[in-house]
All heavy atoms as atom14 arrays in JSON, in Angstrom:
{
  "sequence": "QVFSDHPISEEAMVTIVNDWISFYINYYEKQMTGEQQEQE",
  "atom14_mask": [
    [1, 1, 1, 1, 1, 1, 1, 1, 1, 0, 0, 0, 0, 0],
    [1, 1, 1, 1, 1, 1, 1, 0, 0, 0, 0, 0, 0, 0],
    [1, 1, 1, 1, 1, 1, 1, 1, 1, 1, 1, 0, 0, 0],
    [1, 1, 1, 1, 1, 1, 0, 0, 0, 0, 0, 0, 0, 0],
    [1, 1, 1, 1, 1, 1, 1, 1, 0, 0, 0, 0, 0, 0],
    [1, 1, 1, 1, 1, 1, 1, 1, 1, 1, 0, 0, 0, 0],
    [1, 1, 1, 1, 1, 1, 1, 0, 0, 0, 0, 0, 0, 0],
    [1, 1, 1, 1, 1, 1, 1, 1, 0, 0, 0, 0, 0, 0],
    [1, 1, 1, 1, 1, 1, 0, 0, 0, 0, 0, 0, 0, 0],
    [1, 1, 1, 1, 1, 1, 1, 1, 1, 0, 0, 0, 0, 0],
    [1, 1, 1, 1, 1, 1, 1, 1, 1, 0, 0, 0, 0, 0],
    [1, 1, 1, 1, 1, 0, 0, 0, 0, 0, 0, 0, 0, 0],
    [1, 1, 1, 1, 1, 1, 1, 1, 0, 0, 0, 0, 0, 0],
    [1, 1, 1, 1, 1, 1, 1, 0, 0, 0, 0, 0, 0, 0],
    [1, 1, 1, 1, 1, 1, 1, 0, 0, 0, 0, 0, 0, 0],
    [1, 1, 1, 1, 1, 1, 1, 1, 0, 0, 0, 0, 0, 0],
    [1, 1, 1, 1, 1, 1, 1, 0, 0, 0, 0, 0, 0, 0],
    [1, 1, 1, 1, 1, 1, 1, 1, 0, 0, 0, 0, 0, 0],
    [1, 1, 1, 1, 1, 1, 1, 1, 0, 0, 0, 0, 0, 0],
    [1, 1, 1, 1, 1, 1, 1, 1, 1, 1, 1, 1, 1, 1],
    [1, 1, 1, 1, 1, 1, 1, 1, 0, 0, 0, 0, 0, 0],
    [1, 1, 1, 1, 1, 1, 0, 0, 0, 0, 0, 0, 0, 0],
    [1, 1, 1, 1, 1, 1, 1, 1, 1, 1, 1, 0, 0, 0],
    [1, 1, 1, 1, 1, 1, 1, 1, 1, 1, 1, 1, 0, 0],
    [1, 1, 1, 1, 1, 1, 1, 1, 0, 0, 0, 0, 0, 0],
    [1, 1, 1, 1, 1, 1, 1, 1, 0, 0, 0, 0, 0, 0],
    [1, 1, 1, 1, 1, 1, 1, 1, 1, 1, 1, 1, 0, 0],
    [1, 1, 1, 1, 1, 1, 1, 1, 1, 1, 1, 1, 0, 0],
    [1, 1, 1, 1, 1, 1, 1, 1, 1, 0, 0, 0, 0, 0],
    [1, 1, 1, 1, 1, 1, 1, 1, 1, 0, 0, 0, 0, 0],
    [1, 1, 1, 1, 1, 1, 1, 1, 1, 0, 0, 0, 0, 0],
    [1, 1, 1, 1, 1, 1, 1, 1, 0, 0, 0, 0, 0, 0],
    [1, 1, 1, 1, 1, 1, 1, 0, 0, 0, 0, 0, 0, 0],
    [1, 1, 1, 1, 0, 0, 0, 0, 0, 0, 0, 0, 0, 0],
    [1, 1, 1, 1, 1, 1, 1, 1, 1, 0, 0, 0, 0, 0],
    [1, 1, 1, 1, 1, 1, 1, 1, 1, 0, 0, 0, 0, 0],
    [1, 1, 1, 1, 1, 1, 1, 1, 1, 0, 0, 0, 0, 0],
    [1, 1, 1, 1, 1, 1, 1, 1, 1, 0, 0, 0, 0, 0],
    [1, 1, 1, 1, 1, 1, 1, 1, 1, 0, 0, 0, 0, 0],
    [1, 1, 1, 1, 1, 1, 1, 1, 1, 0, 0, 0, 0, 0]
  ],
  "atom14_positions": [
    [[55.5, 30.84, 7.13], [56.11, 32.25, 7.0], [57.24, 32.39, 6.11], [58.18, 31.42, 6.27], [56.36, 32.74, 8.38], [55.23, 32.87, 9.38], [53.91, 33.53, 8.7], [54.0, 34.54, 8.28], [52.91, 32.84, 8.71], [0.0, 0.0, 0.0], [0.0, 0.0, 0.0], [0.0, 0.0, 0.0], [0.0, 0.0, 0.0], [0.0, 0.0, 0.0]],
    [[57.31, 33.18, 5.21], [58.41, 33.38, 4.34], [59.0, 34.76, 4.54], [58.25, 35.75, 4.61], [57.94, 33.3, 2.85], [58.98, 33.57, 1.8], [57.24, 31.89, 2.62], [0.0, 0.0, 0.0], [0.0, 0.0, 0.0], [0.0, 0.0, 0.0], [0.0, 0.0, 0.0], [0.0, 0.0, 0.0], [0.0, 0.0, 0.0], [0.0, 0.0, 0.0]],
    [[60.19, 34.73, 4.75], [60.88, 36.04, 5.05], [61.21, 36.72, 3.75], [61.79, 36.11, 2.94], [62.16, 35.81, 5.86], [61.88, 35.11, 7.2], [62.89, 34.21, 7.75], [60.77, 35.33, 7.97], [62.5, 33.61, 8.94], [60.5, 34.68, 9.09], [61.36, 33.79, 9.57], [0.0, 0.0, 0.0], [0.0, 0.0, 0.0], [0.0, 0.0, 0.0]],
    [[60.76, 38.02, 3.59], [60.89, 38.7, 2.27], [62.14, 39.56, 2.36], [62.88, 39.72, 3.29], [59.63, 39.44, 1.98], [59.64, 40.62, 2.9], [0.0, 0.0, 0.0], [0.0, 0.0, 0.0], [0.0, 0.0, 0.0], [0.0, 0.0, 0.0], [0.0, 0.0, 0.0], [0.0, 0.0, 0.0], [0.0, 0.0, 0.0], [0.0, 0.0, 0.0]],
    [[62.34, 40.21, 1.12], [63.47, 41.11, 0.87], [63.15, 42.44, 1.6], [64.04, 43.3, 1.63], [63.63, 41.37, -0.67], [64.11, 40.23, -1.43], [64.71, 39.41, -0.61], [63.98, 40.07, -2.54], [0.0, 0.0, 0.0], [0.0, 0.0, 0.0], [0.0, 0.0, 0.0], [0.0, 0.0, 0.0], [0.0, 0.0, 0.0], [0.0, 0.0, 0.0]],
    [[61.89, 42.61, 2.09], [61.54, 43.74, 2.77], [61.2, 43.43, 4.22], [59.98, 43.4, 4.57], [60.35, 44.63, 2.07], [60.52, 44.66, 0.64], [61.36, 45.8, 0.17], [60.14, 44.18, -0.5], [61.52, 45.83, -1.06], [60.76, 44.84, -1.53], [0.0, 0.0, 0.0], [0.0, 0.0, 0.0], [0.0, 0.0, 0.0], [0.0, 0.0, 0.0]],
    [[62.15, 43.18, 5.06], [61.87, 42.67, 6.43], [61.27, 43.77, 7.37], [61.48, 44.98, 7.05], [63.32, 42.26, 6.97], [64.27, 42.97, 6.23], [63.59, 43.24, 4.74], [0.0, 0.0, 0.0], [0.0, 0.0, 0.0], [0.0, 0.0, 0.0], [0.0, 0.0, 0.0], [0.0, 0.0, 0.0], [0.0, 0.0, 0.0], [0.0, 0.0, 0.0]],
    [[60.61, 43.26, 8.35], [60.12, 44.21, 9.38], [61.29, 44.06, 10.53], [62.04, 43.04, 10.6], [58.8, 43.93, 9.85], [58.73, 42.43, 10.4], [57.77, 43.99, 8.68], [57.39, 41.98, 11.04], [0.0, 0.0, 0.0], [0.0, 0.0, 0.0], [0.0, 0.0, 0.0], [0.0, 0.0, 0.0], [0.0, 0.0, 0.0], [0.0, 0.0, 0.0]],
    [[61.21, 45.01, 11.47], [62.11, 44.9, 12.48], [61.83, 43.67, 13.57], [60.69, 43.07, 13.48], [61.97, 46.14, 13.42], [60.77, 46.18, 14.18], [0.0, 0.0, 0.0], [0.0, 0.0, 0.0], [0.0, 0.0, 0.0], [0.0, 0.0, 0.0], [0.0, 0.0, 0.0], [0.0, 0.0, 0.0], [0.0, 0.0, 0.0], [0.0, 0.0, 0.0]],
    [[62.81, 43.31, 14.23], [62.69, 42.3, 15.19], [61.6, 42.44, 16.22], [60.79, 41.53, 16.47], [63.93, 41.97, 15.85], [63.95, 40.94, 16.88], [65.14, 40.79, 17.71], [66.31, 41.32, 17.3], [65.27, 40.23, 18.87], [0.0, 0.0, 0.0], [0.0, 0.0, 0.0], [0.0, 0.0, 0.0], [0.0, 0.0, 0.0], [0.0, 0.0, 0.0]],
    [[61.51, 43.75, 16.65], [60.39, 44.17, 17.66], [59.09, 43.93, 16.93], [58.21, 43.54, 17.71], [60.7, 45.53, 18.07], [61.96, 45.73, 18.83], [63.2, 45.96, 17.92], [63.14, 46.12, 16.78], [64.36, 45.8, 18.6], [0.0, 0.0, 0.0], [0.0, 0.0, 0.0], [0.0, 0.0, 0.0], [0.0, 0.0, 0.0], [0.0, 0.0, 0.0]],
    [[58.96, 44.31, 15.76], [57.72, 44.29, 15.07], [57.2, 42.7, 15.01], [56.1, 42.4, 15.11], [57.62, 44.87, 13.77], [0.0, 0.0, 0.0], [0.0, 0.0, 0.0], [0.0, 0.0, 0.0], [0.0, 0.0, 0.0], [0.0, 0.0, 0.0], [0.0, 0.0, 0.0], [0.0, 0.0, 0.0], [0.0, 0.0, 0.0], [0.0, 0.0, 0.0]],
    [[58.24, 41.89, 14.58], [58.0, 40.52, 14.47], [57.6, 39.78, 15.74], [56.56, 39.02, 15.91], [59.15, 39.73, 13.9], [58.78, 38.22, 13.71], [57.51, 37.9, 12.54], [58.26, 38.05, 11.01], [0.0, 0.0, 0.0], [0.0, 0.0, 0.0], [0.0, 0.0, 0.0], [0.0, 0.0, 0.0], [0.0, 0.0, 0.0], [0.0, 0.0, 0.0]],
    [[58.14, 40.26, 16.88], [57.86, 39.82, 18.26], [56.43, 40.21, 18.6], [55.65, 39.41, 19.04], [58.78, 40.34, 19.32], [58.32, 40.1, 20.74], [60.19, 39.73, 19.17], [0.0, 0.0, 0.0], [0.0, 0.0, 0.0], [0.0, 0.0, 0.0], [0.0, 0.0, 0.0], [0.0, 0.0, 0.0], [0.0, 0.0, 0.0], [0.0, 0.0, 0.0]],
    [[56.05, 41.4, 18.26], [54.7, 41.95, 18.43], [53.64, 41.04, 17.61], [52.71, 40.78, 18.14], [54.54, 43.49, 18.03], [55.4, 44.23, 18.97], [53.15, 43.93, 18.21], [0.0, 0.0, 0.0], [0.0, 0.0, 0.0], [0.0, 0.0, 0.0], [0.0, 0.0, 0.0], [0.0, 0.0, 0.0], [0.0, 0.0, 0.0], [0.0, 0.0, 0.0]],
    [[53.98, 40.79, 16.4], [53.12, 40.03, 15.61], [52.97, 38.66, 16.19], [51.83, 38.06, 16.28], [53.68, 39.94, 14.17], [53.56, 41.35, 13.44], [52.9, 38.8, 13.25], [54.23, 41.38, 12.11], [0.0, 0.0, 0.0], [0.0, 0.0, 0.0], [0.0, 0.0, 0.0], [0.0, 0.0, 0.0], [0.0, 0.0, 0.0], [0.0, 0.0, 0.0]],
    [[54.06, 37.93, 16.55], [54.0, 36.54, 17.14], [53.12, 36.66, 18.45], [52.31, 35.81, 18.59], [55.41, 36.07, 17.3], [55.23, 34.77, 18.1], [56.02, 35.77, 15.98], [0.0, 0.0, 0.0], [0.0, 0.0, 0.0], [0.0, 0.0, 0.0], [0.0, 0.0, 0.0], [0.0, 0.0, 0.0], [0.0, 0.0, 0.0], [0.0, 0.0, 0.0]],
    [[53.37, 37.6, 19.22], [52.56, 37.82, 20.51], [51.08, 37.86, 20.26], [50.22, 37.39, 20.85], [53.14, 38.93, 21.43], [54.36, 38.45, 22.1], [54.75, 37.33, 22.17], [55.06, 39.58, 22.48], [0.0, 0.0, 0.0], [0.0, 0.0, 0.0], [0.0, 0.0, 0.0], [0.0, 0.0, 0.0], [0.0, 0.0, 0.0], [0.0, 0.0, 0.0]],
    [[50.78, 38.69, 19.14], [49.35, 38.93, 18.68], [48.87, 37.49, 18.17], [47.63, 37.32, 18.47], [49.29, 39.92, 17.59], [49.53, 41.34, 18.05], [49.44, 41.51, 19.25], [49.65, 42.23, 17.17], [0.0, 0.0, 0.0], [0.0, 0.0, 0.0], [0.0, 0.0, 0.0], [0.0, 0.0, 0.0], [0.0, 0.0, 0.0], [0.0, 0.0, 0.0]],
    [[49.56, 36.7, 17.4], [49.13, 35.45, 17.0], [48.85, 34.54, 18.22], [47.8, 33.84, 18.26], [50.14, 34.83, 16.18], [50.25, 35.32, 14.74], [49.36, 36.16, 14.08], [51.46, 35.15, 13.93], [49.94, 36.53, 12.88], [51.21, 35.93, 12.75], [52.66, 34.51, 14.09], [52.07, 36.04, 11.71], [53.53, 34.55, 13.02], [53.37, 35.34, 11.79]],
    [[49.75, 34.58, 19.2], [49.53, 33.75, 20.41], [48.19, 34.25, 21.07], [47.45, 33.32, 21.44], [50.81, 33.83, 21.36], [51.95, 33.1, 20.72], [50.48, 33.28, 22.74], [53.16, 33.24, 21.45], [0.0, 0.0, 0.0], [0.0, 0.0, 0.0], [0.0, 0.0, 0.0], [0.0, 0.0, 0.0], [0.0, 0.0, 0.0], [0.0, 0.0, 0.0]],
    [[47.97, 35.48, 21.27], [46.76, 36.04, 21.97], [45.65, 35.63, 21.19], [44.5, 35.13, 21.84], [46.9, 37.55, 22.08], [47.85, 37.93, 22.81], [0.0, 0.0, 0.0], [0.0, 0.0, 0.0], [0.0, 0.0, 0.0], [0.0, 0.0, 0.0], [0.0, 0.0, 0.0], [0.0, 0.0, 0.0], [0.0, 0.0, 0.0], [0.0, 0.0, 0.0]],
    [[45.65, 35.7, 19.76], [44.52, 35.14, 18.95], [44.11, 33.77, 19.19], [43.04, 33.3, 19.49], [44.86, 35.43, 17.48], [43.8, 34.81, 16.54], [42.68, 35.51, 16.32], [43.91, 33.63, 15.93], [41.66, 35.1, 15.45], [43.01, 33.04, 15.1], [41.81, 33.7, 14.82], [0.0, 0.0, 0.0], [0.0, 0.0, 0.0], [0.0, 0.0, 0.0]],
    [[45.15, 32.85, 19.13], [44.87, 31.45, 19.51], [44.37, 31.27, 20.94], [43.44, 30.47, 21.01], [46.23, 30.73, 19.19], [46.44, 30.31, 17.77], [47.02, 31.18, 16.87], [46.16, 29.01, 17.32], [47.07, 30.78, 15.57], [46.45, 28.61, 16.03], [46.84, 29.62, 15.24], [47.01, 29.23, 13.84], [0.0, 0.0, 0.0], [0.0, 0.0, 0.0]],
    [[44.89, 31.92, 21.9], [44.46, 31.68, 23.28], [42.9, 32.12, 23.26], [42.06, 31.38, 23.8], [45.32, 32.62, 24.2], [46.7, 31.96, 24.35], [44.6, 32.65, 25.51], [46.89, 30.61, 24.75], [0.0, 0.0, 0.0], [0.0, 0.0, 0.0], [0.0, 0.0, 0.0], [0.0, 0.0, 0.0], [0.0, 0.0, 0.0], [0.0, 0.0, 0.0]],
    [[42.7, 33.16, 22.72], [41.31, 33.69, 22.81], [40.35, 32.77, 22.04], [39.11, 32.61, 22.43], [41.2, 35.12, 22.28], [41.87, 36.24, 23.21], [41.88, 35.88, 24.34], [42.31, 37.29, 22.58], [0.0, 0.0, 0.0], [0.0, 0.0, 0.0], [0.0, 0.0, 0.0], [0.0, 0.0, 0.0], [0.0, 0.0, 0.0], [0.0, 0.0, 0.0]],
    [[40.74, 32.32, 20.89], [39.91, 31.46, 20.08], [39.72, 30.15, 20.88], [38.57, 29.63, 20.99], [40.6, 31.09, 18.72], [39.79, 30.14, 17.97], [38.6, 30.64, 17.25], [40.23, 28.86, 17.69], [37.93, 29.73, 16.43], [39.48, 28.03, 17.05], [38.34, 28.38, 16.36], [37.6, 27.53, 15.53], [0.0, 0.0, 0.0], [0.0, 0.0, 0.0]],
    [[40.72, 29.55, 21.33], [40.55, 28.29, 21.95], [39.92, 28.34, 23.37], [39.4, 27.38, 23.95], [41.92, 27.48, 21.95], [42.1, 26.77, 20.7], [42.86, 27.3, 19.62], [41.52, 25.62, 20.32], [43.13, 26.79, 18.45], [41.64, 25.04, 19.15], [42.46, 25.68, 18.15], [42.54, 25.04, 16.92], [0.0, 0.0, 0.0], [0.0, 0.0, 0.0]],
    [[40.04, 29.43, 24.02], [39.64, 29.66, 25.29], [38.0, 29.38, 25.39], [37.47, 28.71, 26.28], [39.71, 31.1, 25.77], [39.22, 31.44, 27.13], [39.61, 32.84, 27.56], [39.66, 33.72, 26.77], [39.58, 33.08, 28.81], [0.0, 0.0, 0.0], [0.0, 0.0, 0.0], [0.0, 0.0, 0.0], [0.0, 0.0, 0.0], [0.0, 0.0, 0.0]],
    [[37.33, 29.8, 24.26], [35.9, 29.55, 24.3], [35.47, 28.11, 24.13], [34.33, 27.81, 24.34], [35.34, 30.37, 23.01], [35.52, 31.82, 23.2], [35.1, 32.56, 21.91], [35.4, 34.1, 21.9], [36.66, 34.51, 21.72], [0.0, 0.0, 0.0], [0.0, 0.0, 0.0], [0.0, 0.0, 0.0], [0.0, 0.0, 0.0], [0.0, 0.0, 0.0]],
    [[36.42, 27.31, 23.84], [36.11, 25.84, 23.63], [36.56, 24.95, 24.74], [36.3, 23.76, 24.68], [36.82, 25.38, 22.27], [36.3, 26.24, 21.02], [37.07, 25.69, 19.72], [37.22, 24.64, 19.39], [37.68, 26.8, 19.06], [0.0, 0.0, 0.0], [0.0, 0.0, 0.0], [0.0, 0.0, 0.0], [0.0, 0.0, 0.0], [0.0, 0.0, 0.0]],
    [[37.25, 25.57, 25.68], [37.77, 24.78, 26.79], [36.58, 24.36, 27.61], [35.54, 25.09, 27.76], [38.71, 25.62, 27.73], [40.1, 25.88, 26.93], [41.09, 24.45, 26.67], [42.38, 25.11, 25.79], [0.0, 0.0, 0.0], [0.0, 0.0, 0.0], [0.0, 0.0, 0.0], [0.0, 0.0, 0.0], [0.0, 0.0, 0.0], [0.0, 0.0, 0.0]],
    [[36.77, 23.07, 28.23], [35.59, 22.57, 29.01], [36.09, 22.34, 30.45], [37.23, 22.56, 30.73], [35.25, 21.24, 28.49], [36.36, 20.33, 28.43], [34.6, 21.38, 27.08], [0.0, 0.0, 0.0], [0.0, 0.0, 0.0], [0.0, 0.0, 0.0], [0.0, 0.0, 0.0], [0.0, 0.0, 0.0], [0.0, 0.0, 0.0], [0.0, 0.0, 0.0]],
    [[35.18, 22.07, 31.4], [35.53, 21.76, 32.72], [35.34, 23.05, 33.56], [34.8, 24.04, 33.19], [0.0, 0.0, 0.0], [0.0, 0.0, 0.0], [0.0, 0.0, 0.0], [0.0, 0.0, 0.0], [0.0, 0.0, 0.0], [0.0, 0.0, 0.0], [0.0, 0.0, 0.0], [0.0, 0.0, 0.0], [0.0, 0.0, 0.0], [0.0, 0.0, 0.0]],
    [[35.6, 22.88, 34.83], [35.44, 23.97, 35.72], [36.4, 24.98, 35.44], [37.36, 24.88, 34.77], [35.63, 23.45, 37.25], [34.54, 22.42, 37.61], [34.68, 21.89, 39.04], [35.52, 22.53, 39.88], [33.97, 20.89, 39.31], [0.0, 0.0, 0.0], [0.0, 0.0, 0.0], [0.0, 0.0, 0.0], [0.0, 0.0, 0.0], [0.0, 0.0, 0.0]],
    [[36.19, 26.25, 36.19], [37.14, 27.35, 35.88], [38.62, 27.11, 36.11], [39.4, 27.48, 35.19], [36.74, 28.56, 36.91], [37.46, 29.84, 36.75], [36.94, 30.62, 35.75], [35.75, 30.63, 35.4], [37.67, 31.63, 35.38], [0.0, 0.0, 0.0], [0.0, 0.0, 0.0], [0.0, 0.0, 0.0], [0.0, 0.0, 0.0], [0.0, 0.0, 0.0]],
    [[38.8, 26.32, 37.12], [40.31, 26.04, 37.38], [40.86, 25.1, 36.36], [41.99, 25.29, 35.87], [40.41, 25.41, 38.8], [41.78, 25.06, 39.27], [41.94, 24.53, 40.65], [40.93, 24.3, 41.33], [43.2, 24.44, 41.08], [0.0, 0.0, 0.0], [0.0, 0.0, 0.0], [0.0, 0.0, 0.0], [0.0, 0.0, 0.0], [0.0, 0.0, 0.0]],
    [[40.13, 24.2, 35.87], [40.53, 23.35, 34.85], [40.87, 24.11, 33.56], [41.8, 23.93, 32.76], [39.51, 22.13, 34.57], [39.48, 21.65, 33.22], [40.73, 20.73, 32.9], [41.34, 20.25, 33.9], [41.06, 20.57, 31.79], [0.0, 0.0, 0.0], [0.0, 0.0, 0.0], [0.0, 0.0, 0.0], [0.0, 0.0, 0.0], [0.0, 0.0, 0.0]],
    [[39.96, 25.01, 33.27], [40.0, 25.9, 31.98], [41.26, 26.75, 32.11], [42.08, 26.8, 31.05], [38.77, 26.57, 31.74], [37.58, 25.83, 31.33], [36.4, 26.58, 31.08], [36.38, 27.87, 30.86], [35.22, 26.09, 31.35], [0.0, 0.0, 0.0], [0.0, 0.0, 0.0], [0.0, 0.0, 0.0], [0.0, 0.0, 0.0], [0.0, 0.0, 0.0]],
    [[41.51, 27.38, 33.17], [42.63, 28.2, 33.41], [43.95, 27.3, 33.23], [44.91, 27.85, 32.79], [42.54, 28.84, 34.75], [41.41, 29.99, 34.85], [41.24, 30.6, 36.23], [41.94, 30.15, 37.14], [40.34, 31.35, 36.35], [0.0, 0.0, 0.0], [0.0, 0.0, 0.0], [0.0, 0.0, 0.0], [0.0, 0.0, 0.0], [0.0, 0.0, 0.0]]
  ]
}
């Protein structure tokens, strides 16, 4: 990530990072193995 001369608000960046985290969790969730408890 490169911070530009046209920054977004701190709140917007937090939202973006949380969206990225959700994306990664959803993507990798499908690949987890084992029983339900292990996956969780």
